[in-house]
Amino acid sequence: MGRPPGRIQDRPFQMRLSHEFLERVDEWRQKQPDLPSRAESIRRLTAAMLQILDKDPDQKGAKSRKRKSG
């Protein structure tokens, strides 16, 4: 393993994540054919979400959750 070939990633970034969040990332990455690292998985997921938001900047396509009044 190591850094992905052909990419220049020269900006370190550190963040704290919950155990549950890392478990979800690990579940996702284990389904990928090339088993990316956690860092690469977070890059891919973030890039995918940004691409979605670029296509729908107002999130008009997002489903809103309605709360039931009791």
PDB file of N, CA and C in Angstrom:
ATOM      1  N   MET A   1       0.832  -1.184   0.000  1.00  0.00           N
ATOM      2  CA  MET A   1       0.000   0.000   0.000  1.00  0.00           C
ATOM      3  C   MET A   1       0.872   1.241   0.000  1.00  0.00           C
ATOM      4  N   GLY A   2       0.293   2.319   0.165  1.00  0.00           N
ATOM      5  CA  GLY A   2       1.016   3.579   0.167  1.00  0.00           C
ATOM      6  C   GLY A   2       0.143   4.639  -0.459  1.00  0.00           C
ATOM      7  N   ARG A   3       0.771   5.675  -0.880  1.00  0.00           N
ATOM      8  CA  ARG A   3       0.024   6.765  -1.498  1.00  0.00           C
ATOM      9  C   ARG A   3      -0.416   6.384  -2.895  1.00  0.00           C
ATOM     10  N   PRO A   4      -1.613   6.843  -3.293  1.00  0.00           N
ATOM     11  CA  PRO A   4      -2.081   6.519  -4.637  1.00  0.00           C
ATOM     12  C   PRO A   4      -1.146   7.110  -5.693  1.00  0.00           C
ATOM     13  N   PRO A   5      -0.838   6.356  -6.737  1.00  0.00           N
ATOM     14  CA  PRO A   5       0.061   6.866  -7.776  1.00  0.00           C
ATOM     15  C   PRO A   5      -0.574   8.008  -8.546  1.00  0.00           C
ATOM     16  N   GLY A   6       0.257   8.952  -8.965  1.00  0.00           N
ATOM     17  CA  GLY A   6      -0.214  10.038  -9.805  1.00  0.00           C
ATOM     18  C   GLY A   6      -0.961  11.141  -9.090  1.00  0.00           C
ATOM     19  N   ARG A   7      -1.003  11.104  -7.789  1.00  0.00           N
ATOM     20  CA  ARG A   7      -1.706  12.154  -7.038  1.00  0.00           C
ATOM     21  C   ARG A   7      -0.707  12.923  -6.191  1.00  0.00           C
ATOM     22  N   ILE A   8      -0.902  14.206  -6.135  1.00  0.00           N
ATOM     23  CA  ILE A   8      -0.067  15.033  -5.268  1.00  0.00           C
ATOM     24  C   ILE A   8      -0.939  15.464  -4.100  1.00  0.00           C
ATOM     25  N   GLN A   9      -0.635  14.942  -2.959  1.00  0.00           N
ATOM     26  CA  GLN A   9      -1.390  15.294  -1.754  1.00  0.00           C
ATOM     27  C   GLN A   9      -0.377  15.805  -0.745  1.00  0.00           C
ATOM     28  N   ASP A  10      -0.195  17.107  -0.777  1.00  0.00           N
ATOM     29  CA  ASP A  10       0.853  17.696   0.040  1.00  0.00           C
ATOM     30  C   ASP A  10       0.320  18.505   1.221  1.00  0.00           C
ATOM     31  N   ARG A  11      -0.949  18.364   1.515  1.00  0.00           N
ATOM     32  CA  ARG A  11      -1.553  19.103   2.625  1.00  0.00           C
ATOM     33  C   ARG A  11      -2.033  18.126   3.686  1.00  0.00           C
ATOM     34  N   PRO A  12      -1.330  18.017   4.783  1.00  0.00           N
ATOM     35  CA  PRO A  12      -1.815  17.118   5.834  1.00  0.00           C
ATOM     36  C   PRO A  12      -3.076  17.682   6.479  1.00  0.00           C
ATOM     37  N   PHE A  13      -3.941  16.777   6.900  1.00  0.00           N
ATOM     38  CA  PHE A  13      -5.192  17.162   7.538  1.00  0.00           C
ATOM     39  C   PHE A  13      -5.509  16.107   8.581  1.00  0.00           C
ATOM     40  N   GLN A  14      -5.790  16.557   9.759  1.00  0.00           N
ATOM     41  CA  GLN A  14      -6.084  15.615  10.837  1.00  0.00           C
ATOM     42  C   GLN A  14      -7.484  15.898  11.364  1.00  0.00           C
ATOM     43  N   MET A  15      -8.198  14.816  11.716  1.00  0.00           N
ATOM     44  CA  MET A  15      -9.528  15.006  12.274  1.00  0.00           C
ATOM     45  C   MET A  15      -9.830  13.877  13.249  1.00  0.00           C
ATOM     46  N   ARG A  16     -10.733  14.137  14.137  1.00  0.00           N
ATOM     47  CA  ARG A  16     -11.164  13.125  15.102  1.00  0.00           C
ATOM     48  C   ARG A  16     -12.493  12.557  14.628  1.00  0.00           C
ATOM     49  N   LEU A  17     -12.604  11.226  14.703  1.00  0.00           N
ATOM     50  CA  LEU A  17     -13.810  10.554  14.247  1.00  0.00           C
ATOM     51  C   LEU A  17     -14.281   9.574  15.301  1.00  0.00           C
ATOM     52  N   SER A  18     -15.565   9.339  15.315  1.00  0.00           N
ATOM     53  CA  SER A  18     -16.121   8.368  16.254  1.00  0.00           C
ATOM     54  C   SER A  18     -15.819   6.949  15.771  1.00  0.00           C
ATOM     55  N   HIS A  19     -15.884   6.028  16.689  1.00  0.00           N
ATOM     56  CA  HIS A  19     -15.688   4.617  16.363  1.00  0.00           C
ATOM     57  C   HIS A  19     -16.722   4.164  15.334  1.00  0.00           C
ATOM     58  N   GLU A  20     -17.957   4.619  15.509  1.00  0.00           N
ATOM     59  CA  GLU A  20     -19.035   4.239  14.605  1.00  0.00           C
ATOM     60  C   GLU A  20     -18.781   4.753  13.184  1.00  0.00           C
ATOM     61  N   PHE A  21     -18.268   5.984  13.083  1.00  0.00           N
ATOM     62  CA  PHE A  21     -17.981   6.545  11.767  1.00  0.00           C
ATOM     63  C   PHE A  21     -16.899   5.728  11.071  1.00  0.00           C
ATOM     64  N   LEU A  22     -15.843   5.400  11.795  1.00  0.00           N
ATOM     65  CA  LEU A  22     -14.764   4.603  11.207  1.00  0.00           C
ATOM     66  C   LEU A  22     -15.237   3.214  10.810  1.00  0.00           C
ATOM     67  N   GLU A  23     -16.130   2.643  11.585  1.00  0.00           N
ATOM     68  CA  GLU A  23     -16.697   1.343  11.214  1.00  0.00           C
ATOM     69  C   GLU A  23     -17.442   1.441   9.888  1.00  0.00           C
ATOM     70  N   ARG A  24     -18.202   2.513   9.694  1.00  0.00           N
ATOM     71  CA  ARG A  24     -18.944   2.698   8.444  1.00  0.00           C
ATOM     72  C   ARG A  24     -17.998   2.892   7.273  1.00  0.00           C
ATOM     73  N   VAL A  25     -16.934   3.670   7.486  1.00  0.00           N
ATOM     74  CA  VAL A  25     -15.935   3.860   6.429  1.00  0.00           C
ATOM     75  C   VAL A  25     -15.285   2.519   6.101  1.00  0.00           C
ATOM     76  N   ASP A  26     -14.924   1.764   7.125  1.00  0.00           N
ATOM     77  CA  ASP A  26     -14.294   0.462   6.907  1.00  0.00           C
ATOM     78  C   ASP A  26     -15.219  -0.497   6.157  1.00  0.00           C
ATOM     79  N   GLU A  27     -16.497  -0.492   6.492  1.00  0.00           N
ATOM     80  CA  GLU A  27     -17.465  -1.336   5.779  1.00  0.00           C
ATOM     81  C   GLU A  27     -17.525  -0.953   4.306  1.00  0.00           C
ATOM     82  N   TRP A  28     -17.546   0.344   4.025  1.00  0.00           N
ATOM     83  CA  TRP A  28     -17.606   0.816   2.643  1.00  0.00           C
ATOM     84  C   TRP A  28     -16.338   0.433   1.890  1.00  0.00           C
ATOM     85  N   ARG A  29     -15.192   0.688   2.506  1.00  0.00           N
ATOM     86  CA  ARG A  29     -13.946   0.451   1.786  1.00  0.00           C
ATOM     87  C   ARG A  29     -13.685  -1.022   1.527  1.00  0.00           C
ATOM     88  N   GLN A  30     -14.184  -1.896   2.399  1.00  0.00           N
ATOM     89  CA  GLN A  30     -13.996  -3.329   2.192  1.00  0.00           C
ATOM     90  C   GLN A  30     -14.814  -3.847   1.009  1.00  0.00           C
ATOM     91  N   LYS A  31     -15.798  -3.079   0.584  1.00  0.00           N
ATOM     92  CA  LYS A  31     -16.605  -3.445  -0.588  1.00  0.00           C
ATOM     93  C   LYS A  31     -15.966  -2.968  -1.892  1.00  0.00           C
ATOM     94  N   GLN A  32     -14.910  -2.158  -1.794  1.00  0.00           N
ATOM     95  CA  GLN A  32     -14.255  -1.632  -2.985  1.00  0.00           C
ATOM     96  C   GLN A  32     -13.259  -2.650  -3.519  1.00  0.00           C
ATOM     97  N   PRO A  33     -13.149  -2.779  -4.841  1.00  0.00           N
ATOM     98  CA  PRO A  33     -12.283  -3.810  -5.412  1.00  0.00           C
ATOM     99  C   PRO A  33     -10.800  -3.640  -5.083  1.00  0.00           C
ATOM    100  N   ASP A  34     -10.360  -2.414  -4.819  1.00  0.00           N
ATOM    101  CA  ASP A  34      -8.938  -2.185  -4.561  1.00  0.00           C
ATOM    102  C   ASP A  34      -8.621  -1.947  -3.086  1.00  0.00           C
ATOM    103  N   LEU A  35      -9.581  -2.106  -2.194  1.00  0.00           N
ATOM    104  CA  LEU A  35      -9.438  -1.886  -0.753  1.00  0.00           C
ATOM    105  C   LEU A  35      -8.596  -0.648  -0.443  1.00  0.00           C
ATOM    106  N   PRO A  36      -9.167   0.528  -0.670  1.00  0.00           N
ATOM    107  CA  PRO A  36      -8.422   1.755  -0.383  1.00  0.00           C
ATOM    108  C   PRO A  36      -8.178   1.928   1.117  1.00  0.00           C
ATOM    109  N   SER A  37      -7.192   2.724   1.447  1.00  0.00           N
ATOM    110  CA  SER A  37      -6.928   3.045   2.847  1.00  0.00           C
ATOM    111  C   SER A  37      -8.088   3.858   3.400  1.00  0.00           C
ATOM    112  N   ARG A  38      -8.101   4.043   4.689  1.00  0.00           N
ATOM    113  CA  ARG A  38      -9.151   4.889   5.273  1.00  0.00           C
ATOM    114  C   ARG A  38      -9.073   6.300   4.710  1.00  0.00           C
ATOM    115  N   ALA A  39      -7.865   6.838   4.633  1.00  0.00           N
ATOM    116  CA  ALA A  39      -7.701   8.208   4.123  1.00  0.00           C
ATOM    117  C   ALA A  39      -8.200   8.311   2.684  1.00  0.00           C
ATOM    118  N   GLU A  40      -7.812   7.343   1.848  1.00  0.00           N
ATOM    119  CA  GLU A  40      -8.261   7.361   0.455  1.00  0.00           C
ATOM    120  C   GLU A  40      -9.768   7.176   0.375  1.00  0.00           C
ATOM    121  N   SER A  41     -10.325   6.359   1.243  1.00  0.00           N
ATOM    122  CA  SER A  41     -11.774   6.155   1.259  1.00  0.00           C
ATOM    123  C   SER A  41     -12.495   7.452   1.587  1.00  0.00           C
ATOM    124  N   ILE A  42     -12.014   8.173   2.573  1.00  0.00           N
ATOM    125  CA  ILE A  42     -12.639   9.442   2.951  1.00  0.00           C
ATOM    126  C   ILE A  42     -12.488  10.453   1.825  1.00  0.00           C
ATOM    127  N   ARG A  43     -11.329  10.460   1.129  1.00  0.00           N
ATOM    128  CA  ARG A  43     -11.163  11.342  -0.035  1.00  0.00           C
ATOM    129  C   ARG A  43     -12.190  11.010  -1.107  1.00  0.00           C
ATOM    130  N   ARG A  44     -12.350   9.717  -1.423  1.00  0.00           N
ATOM    131  CA  ARG A  44     -13.286   9.308  -2.475  1.00  0.00           C
ATOM    132  C   ARG A  44     -14.721   9.645  -2.110  1.00  0.00           C
ATOM    133  N   LEU A  45     -15.099   9.363  -0.882  1.00  0.00           N
ATOM    134  CA  LEU A  45     -16.476   9.644  -0.450  1.00  0.00           C
ATOM    135  C   LEU A  45     -16.754  11.144  -0.449  1.00  0.00           C
ATOM    136  N   THR A  46     -15.789  11.916  -0.007  1.00  0.00           N
ATOM    137  CA  THR A  46     -15.950  13.368   0.014  1.00  0.00           C
ATOM    138  C   THR A  46     -16.039  13.915  -1.401  1.00  0.00           C
ATOM    139  N   ALA A  47     -15.164  13.441  -2.285  1.00  0.00           N
ATOM    140  CA  ALA A  47     -15.192  13.896  -3.676  1.00  0.00           C
ATOM    141  C   ALA A  47     -16.534  13.554  -4.330  1.00  0.00           C
ATOM    142  N   ALA A  48     -17.047  12.350  -4.066  1.00  0.00           N
ATOM    143  CA  ALA A  48     -18.332  11.943  -4.628  1.00  0.00           C
ATOM    144  C   ALA A  48     -19.455  12.845  -4.122  1.00  0.00           C
ATOM    145  N   MET A  49     -19.441  13.140  -2.840  1.00  0.00           N
ATOM    146  CA  MET A  49     -20.498  13.993  -2.277  1.00  0.00           C
ATOM    147  C   MET A  49     -20.404  15.413  -2.827  1.00  0.00           C
ATOM    148  N   LEU A  50     -19.196  15.933  -2.975  1.00  0.00           N
ATOM    149  CA  LEU A  50     -19.037  17.273  -3.536  1.00  0.00           C
ATOM    150  C   LEU A  50     -19.527  17.321  -4.977  1.00  0.00           C
ATOM    151  N   GLN A  51     -19.290  16.251  -5.725  1.00  0.00           N
ATOM    152  CA  GLN A  51     -19.774  16.191  -7.100  1.00  0.00           C
ATOM    153  C   GLN A  51     -21.303  16.196  -7.130  1.00  0.00           C
ATOM    154  N   ILE A  52     -21.913  15.462  -6.225  1.00  0.00           N
ATOM    155  CA  ILE A  52     -23.375  15.457  -6.129  1.00  0.00           C
ATOM    156  C   ILE A  52     -23.892  16.843  -5.795  1.00  0.00           C
ATOM    157  N   LEU A  53     -23.269  17.490  -4.842  1.00  0.00           N
ATOM    158  CA  LEU A  53     -23.715  18.825  -4.441  1.00  0.00           C
ATOM    159  C   LEU A  53     -23.487  19.851  -5.540  1.00  0.00           C
ATOM    160  N   ASP A  54     -22.429  19.681  -6.341  1.00  0.00           N
ATOM    161  CA  ASP A  54     -22.202  20.589  -7.465  1.00  0.00           C
ATOM    162  C   ASP A  54     -23.320  20.486  -8.490  1.00  0.00           C
ATOM    163  N   LYS A  55     -23.877  19.291  -8.662  1.00  0.00           N
ATOM    164  CA  LYS A  55     -24.971  19.093  -9.609  1.00  0.00           C
ATOM    165  C   LYS A  55     -26.285  19.619  -9.055  1.00  0.00           C
ATOM    166  N   ASP A  56     -26.428  19.634  -7.747  1.00  0.00           N
ATOM    167  CA  ASP A  56     -27.660  20.056  -7.087  1.00  0.00           C
ATOM    168  C   ASP A  56     -27.291  20.937  -5.892  1.00  0.00           C
ATOM    169  N   PRO A  57     -26.788  22.145  -6.159  1.00  0.00           N
ATOM    170  CA  PRO A  57     -26.267  22.980  -5.067  1.00  0.00           C
ATOM    171  C   PRO A  57     -27.289  23.346  -3.995  1.00  0.00           C
ATOM    172  N   ASP A  58     -28.553  23.380  -4.350  1.00  0.00           N
ATOM    173  CA  ASP A  58     -29.581  23.709  -3.357  1.00  0.00           C
ATOM    174  C   ASP A  58     -30.135  22.471  -2.686  1.00  0.00           C
ATOM    175  N   GLN A  59     -29.600  21.319  -3.041  1.00  0.00           N
ATOM    176  CA  GLN A  59     -30.046  20.035  -2.501  1.00  0.00           C
ATOM    177  C   GLN A  59     -31.549  19.845  -2.698  1.00  0.00           C
ATOM    178  N   LYS A  60     -32.046  20.300  -3.842  1.00  0.00           N
ATOM    179  CA  LYS A  60     -33.475  20.152  -4.126  1.00  0.00           C
ATOM    180  C   LYS A  60     -33.861  18.688  -4.271  1.00  0.00           C
ATOM    181  N   GLY A  61     -32.895  17.877  -4.683  1.00  0.00           N
ATOM    182  CA  GLY A  61     -33.180  16.463  -4.852  1.00  0.00           C
ATOM    183  C   GLY A  61     -33.128  15.680  -3.554  1.00  0.00           C
ATOM    184  N   ALA A  62     -32.659  16.301  -2.492  1.00  0.00           N
ATOM    185  CA  ALA A  62     -32.558  15.596  -1.213  1.00  0.00           C
ATOM    186  C   ALA A  62     -33.943  15.432  -0.604  1.00  0.00           C
ATOM    187  N   LYS A  63     -34.167  14.274  -0.051  1.00  0.00           N
ATOM    188  CA  LYS A  63     -35.446  14.016   0.613  1.00  0.00           C
ATOM    189  C   LYS A  63     -35.411  14.617   2.002  1.00  0.00           C
ATOM    190  N   SER A  64     -36.424  15.340   2.338  1.00  0.00           N
ATOM    191  CA  SER A  64     -36.486  15.907   3.683  1.00  0.00           C
ATOM    192  C   SER A  64     -37.256  14.970   4.590  1.00  0.00           C
ATOM    193  N   ARG A  65     -36.840  14.933   5.820  1.00  0.00           N
ATOM    194  CA  ARG A  65     -37.523  14.100   6.814  1.00  0.00           C
ATOM    195  C   ARG A  65     -38.531  14.949   7.564  1.00  0.00           C
ATOM    196  N   LYS A  66     -39.744  14.477   7.574  1.00  0.00           N
ATOM    197  CA  LYS A  66     -40.789  15.197   8.304  1.00  0.00           C
ATOM    198  C   LYS A  66     -40.968  14.526   9.650  1.00  0.00           C
ATOM    199  N   ARG A  67     -41.070  15.328  10.666  1.00  0.00           N
ATOM    200  CA  ARG A  67     -41.287  14.812  12.013  1.00  0.00           C
ATOM    201  C   ARG A  67     -42.780  14.689  12.246  1.00  0.00           C
ATOM    202  N   LYS A  68     -43.154  13.589  12.833  1.00  0.00           N
ATOM    203  CA  LYS A  68     -44.553  13.415  13.192  1.00  0.00           C
ATOM    204  C   LYS A  68     -44.816  14.167  14.484  1.00  0.00           C
ATOM    205  N   SER A  69     -45.896  14.885  14.501  1.00  0.00           N
ATOM    206  CA  SER A  69     -46.272  15.531  15.752  1.00  0.00           C
ATOM    207  C   SER A  69     -47.137  14.566  16.557  1.00  0.00           C
ATOM    208  N   GLY A  70     -46.823  14.488  17.844  1.00  0.00           N
ATOM    209  CA  GLY A  70     -47.427  13.469  18.659  1.00  0.00           C
ATOM    210  C   GLY A  70     -48.663  13.854  19.280  1.00  0.00           C
TER     211      GLY A  70
END
